[in-house]
Amino acid sequence: MSVTLFHNPACGTSRGVLALLEERGIELRVVEYLKTPPSRDEVRDVAVKAGVPLRSLLREKAAPYEELNLADQSLDDEALLDAIAAHPILLNRPIVVTTRGAALCRPKEKVLDLL
């Protein structure tokens, strides 16, 4: 099974998901998305695989969220993708993508549904 973790090592939940996957011996690709941001297409694909609106992948607690007025529901996906591309911190974490789908894994045990 192919597993990708969009990871922020400063996040306790993200570290917990990584540990949970490693404990189970799962081989995975870890993407530290603040160092290597995903492309617009990758972000869009994650939302599709998760079956959620792109907006639900936004981290509302990140400083740029308010500054960019991203709570404005009239903003379309292209505007949201522009914001994430310019400020990868806006992508919530941890996000796990497998052949079974994708999910924002909060709480960390949510990753088990993808395995």
C-alpha atoms as a PDB file:
ATOM      1  CA  MET A   1       0.000   0.000   0.000  1.00  0.00           C
ATOM      2  CA  SER A   2       1.288   3.436  -0.919  1.00  0.00           C
ATOM      3  CA  VAL A   3       1.116   5.881   2.015  1.00  0.00           C
ATOM      4  CA  THR A   4       2.007   9.571   1.983  1.00  0.00           C
ATOM      5  CA  LEU A   5       2.027  11.729   5.100  1.00  0.00           C
ATOM      6  CA  PHE A   6       1.942  15.515   4.752  1.00  0.00           C
ATOM      7  CA  HIS A   7       3.822  16.202   7.950  1.00  0.00           C
ATOM      8  CA  ASN A   8       4.874  19.069  10.170  1.00  0.00           C
ATOM      9  CA  PRO A   9       7.393  17.834  12.754  1.00  0.00           C
ATOM     10  CA  ALA A  10       6.467  20.736  15.067  1.00  0.00           C
ATOM     11  CA  CYS A  11       2.907  19.363  15.377  1.00  0.00           C
ATOM     12  CA  GLY A  12       2.252  16.797  18.100  1.00  0.00           C
ATOM     13  CA  THR A  13      -0.632  15.195  16.216  1.00  0.00           C
ATOM     14  CA  SER A  14       1.494  14.896  13.094  1.00  0.00           C
ATOM     15  CA  ARG A  15       4.308  13.287  15.091  1.00  0.00           C
ATOM     16  CA  GLY A  16       1.749  10.929  16.618  1.00  0.00           C
ATOM     17  CA  VAL A  17       0.463   9.819  13.208  1.00  0.00           C
ATOM     18  CA  LEU A  18       4.021   9.267  11.995  1.00  0.00           C
ATOM     19  CA  ALA A  19       4.809   7.156  15.085  1.00  0.00           C
ATOM     20  CA  LEU A  20       1.595   5.156  14.686  1.00  0.00           C
ATOM     21  CA  LEU A  21       2.433   4.337  11.066  1.00  0.00           C
ATOM     22  CA  GLU A  22       6.034   3.472  11.874  1.00  0.00           C
ATOM     23  CA  GLU A  23       4.957   1.220  14.786  1.00  0.00           C
ATOM     24  CA  ARG A  24       2.867  -0.764  12.322  1.00  0.00           C
ATOM     25  CA  GLY A  25       5.838  -1.128   9.973  1.00  0.00           C
ATOM     26  CA  ILE A  26       4.160   0.846   7.203  1.00  0.00           C
ATOM     27  CA  GLU A  27       6.511   2.124   4.543  1.00  0.00           C
ATOM     28  CA  LEU A  28       5.613   5.679   3.797  1.00  0.00           C
ATOM     29  CA  ARG A  29       6.620   8.817   2.023  1.00  0.00           C
ATOM     30  CA  VAL A  30       6.894  11.698   4.450  1.00  0.00           C
ATOM     31  CA  VAL A  31       6.446  15.153   2.951  1.00  0.00           C
ATOM     32  CA  GLU A  32       7.465  17.996   5.240  1.00  0.00           C
ATOM     33  CA  TYR A  33       5.112  20.321   3.437  1.00  0.00           C
ATOM     34  CA  LEU A  34       6.562  23.516   4.924  1.00  0.00           C
ATOM     35  CA  LYS A  35       9.924  22.668   3.325  1.00  0.00           C
ATOM     36  CA  THR A  36       8.526  21.036   0.189  1.00  0.00           C
ATOM     37  CA  PRO A  37       5.026  22.384  -0.418  1.00  0.00           C
ATOM     38  CA  PRO A  38       2.677  20.235  -2.474  1.00  0.00           C
ATOM     39  CA  SER A  39       1.616  21.518  -5.856  1.00  0.00           C
ATOM     40  CA  ARG A  40      -1.805  23.024  -6.438  1.00  0.00           C
ATOM     41  CA  ASP A  41      -2.802  19.802  -8.213  1.00  0.00           C
ATOM     42  CA  GLU A  42      -1.639  17.680  -5.276  1.00  0.00           C
ATOM     43  CA  VAL A  43      -3.671  19.758  -2.819  1.00  0.00           C
ATOM     44  CA  ARG A  44      -6.734  19.592  -5.068  1.00  0.00           C
ATOM     45  CA  ASP A  45      -6.233  15.812  -5.445  1.00  0.00           C
ATOM     46  CA  VAL A  46      -6.052  15.344  -1.666  1.00  0.00           C
ATOM     47  CA  ALA A  47      -9.399  17.104  -1.232  1.00  0.00           C
ATOM     48  CA  VAL A  48     -10.960  14.934  -3.964  1.00  0.00           C
ATOM     49  CA  LYS A  49      -9.567  11.713  -2.468  1.00  0.00           C
ATOM     50  CA  ALA A  50     -10.776  12.771   0.980  1.00  0.00           C
ATOM     51  CA  GLY A  51     -14.203  13.618  -0.430  1.00  0.00           C
ATOM     52  CA  VAL A  52     -14.182  17.020   1.246  1.00  0.00           C
ATOM     53  CA  PRO A  53     -14.310  20.612   0.051  1.00  0.00           C
ATOM     54  CA  LEU A  54     -10.866  22.151  -0.367  1.00  0.00           C
ATOM     55  CA  ARG A  55     -11.772  24.708   2.294  1.00  0.00           C
ATOM     56  CA  SER A  56     -11.887  21.947   4.927  1.00  0.00           C
ATOM     57  CA  LEU A  57      -8.126  21.406   4.504  1.00  0.00           C
ATOM     58  CA  LEU A  58      -7.350  24.959   5.645  1.00  0.00           C
ATOM     59  CA  ARG A  59      -5.737  25.580   8.997  1.00  0.00           C
ATOM     60  CA  GLU A  60      -7.842  28.385  10.444  1.00  0.00           C
ATOM     61  CA  LYS A  61      -5.458  28.968  13.371  1.00  0.00           C
ATOM     62  CA  ALA A  62      -2.583  29.957  11.068  1.00  0.00           C
ATOM     63  CA  ALA A  63      -1.902  33.694  11.088  1.00  0.00           C
ATOM     64  CA  PRO A  64      -2.354  34.173   7.326  1.00  0.00           C
ATOM     65  CA  TYR A  65      -5.911  32.801   7.523  1.00  0.00           C
ATOM     66  CA  GLU A  66      -7.302  35.968   9.110  1.00  0.00           C
ATOM     67  CA  GLU A  67      -4.902  38.305   7.310  1.00  0.00           C
ATOM     68  CA  LEU A  68      -6.045  36.961   3.929  1.00  0.00           C
ATOM     69  CA  ASN A  69      -9.724  36.942   4.955  1.00  0.00           C
ATOM     70  CA  LEU A  70      -9.998  33.254   4.053  1.00  0.00           C
ATOM     71  CA  ALA A  71     -13.193  32.891   6.084  1.00  0.00           C
ATOM     72  CA  ASP A  72     -14.889  34.709   3.203  1.00  0.00           C
ATOM     73  CA  GLN A  73     -17.120  31.994   1.757  1.00  0.00           C
ATOM     74  CA  SER A  74     -17.206  33.735  -1.623  1.00  0.00           C
ATOM     75  CA  LEU A  75     -13.565  32.765  -2.254  1.00  0.00           C
ATOM     76  CA  ASP A  76     -13.365  29.952  -4.784  1.00  0.00           C
ATOM     77  CA  ASP A  77     -10.978  26.993  -4.791  1.00  0.00           C
ATOM     78  CA  GLU A  78      -8.524  28.821  -7.032  1.00  0.00           C
ATOM     79  CA  ALA A  79      -8.199  31.630  -4.481  1.00  0.00           C
ATOM     80  CA  LEU A  80      -7.735  29.089  -1.695  1.00  0.00           C
ATOM     81  CA  LEU A  81      -5.091  27.238  -3.712  1.00  0.00           C
ATOM     82  CA  ASP A  82      -3.309  30.559  -4.321  1.00  0.00           C
ATOM     83  CA  ALA A  83      -3.269  31.185  -0.567  1.00  0.00           C
ATOM     84  CA  ILE A  84      -1.952  27.687   0.230  1.00  0.00           C
ATOM     85  CA  ALA A  85       0.727  27.985  -2.458  1.00  0.00           C
ATOM     86  CA  ALA A  86       1.893  31.309  -1.009  1.00  0.00           C
ATOM     87  CA  HIS A  87       1.557  30.183   2.628  1.00  0.00           C
ATOM     88  CA  PRO A  88       1.897  26.384   3.017  1.00  0.00           C
ATOM     89  CA  ILE A  89       1.274  26.774   6.768  1.00  0.00           C
ATOM     90  CA  LEU A  90      -2.389  27.151   5.784  1.00  0.00           C
ATOM     91  CA  LEU A  91      -2.573  23.458   4.919  1.00  0.00           C
ATOM     92  CA  ASN A  92      -3.893  21.635   7.935  1.00  0.00           C
ATOM     93  CA  ARG A  93      -2.032  18.573   9.158  1.00  0.00           C
ATOM     94  CA  PRO A  94      -1.463  15.745   9.355  1.00  0.00           C
ATOM     95  CA  ILE A  95      -2.927  14.624   6.061  1.00  0.00           C
ATOM     96  CA  VAL A  96      -2.497  10.998   5.046  1.00  0.00           C
ATOM     97  CA  VAL A  97      -3.068   9.709   1.523  1.00  0.00           C
ATOM     98  CA  THR A  98      -3.323   5.989   0.753  1.00  0.00           C
ATOM     99  CA  THR A  99      -4.801   3.878  -1.997  1.00  0.00           C
ATOM    100  CA  ARG A 100      -7.987   3.801   0.123  1.00  0.00           C
ATOM    101  CA  GLY A 101      -8.353   7.590   0.165  1.00  0.00           C
ATOM    102  CA  ALA A 102      -7.127  10.592   2.079  1.00  0.00           C
ATOM    103  CA  ALA A 103      -7.963  12.257   5.374  1.00  0.00           C
ATOM    104  CA  LEU A 104      -6.993  14.965   7.772  1.00  0.00           C
ATOM    105  CA  CYS A 105      -6.017  12.695  10.656  1.00  0.00           C
ATOM    106  CA  ARG A 106      -7.288  14.547  13.700  1.00  0.00           C
ATOM    107  CA  PRO A 107      -7.396  12.691  16.006  1.00  0.00           C
ATOM    108  CA  LYS A 108      -4.399  10.589  15.035  1.00  0.00           C
ATOM    109  CA  GLU A 109      -6.367   7.328  15.220  1.00  0.00           C
ATOM    110  CA  LYS A 110      -8.326   8.445  12.167  1.00  0.00           C
ATOM    111  CA  VAL A 111      -5.373   7.196  10.091  1.00  0.00           C
ATOM    112  CA  LEU A 112      -6.401   3.622  10.914  1.00  0.00           C
ATOM    113  CA  ASP A 113      -9.477   4.032   8.678  1.00  0.00           C
ATOM    114  CA  LEU A 114      -7.118   4.484   5.704  1.00  0.00           C
ATOM    115  CA  LEU A 115      -5.063   1.348   6.276  1.00  0.00           C
END
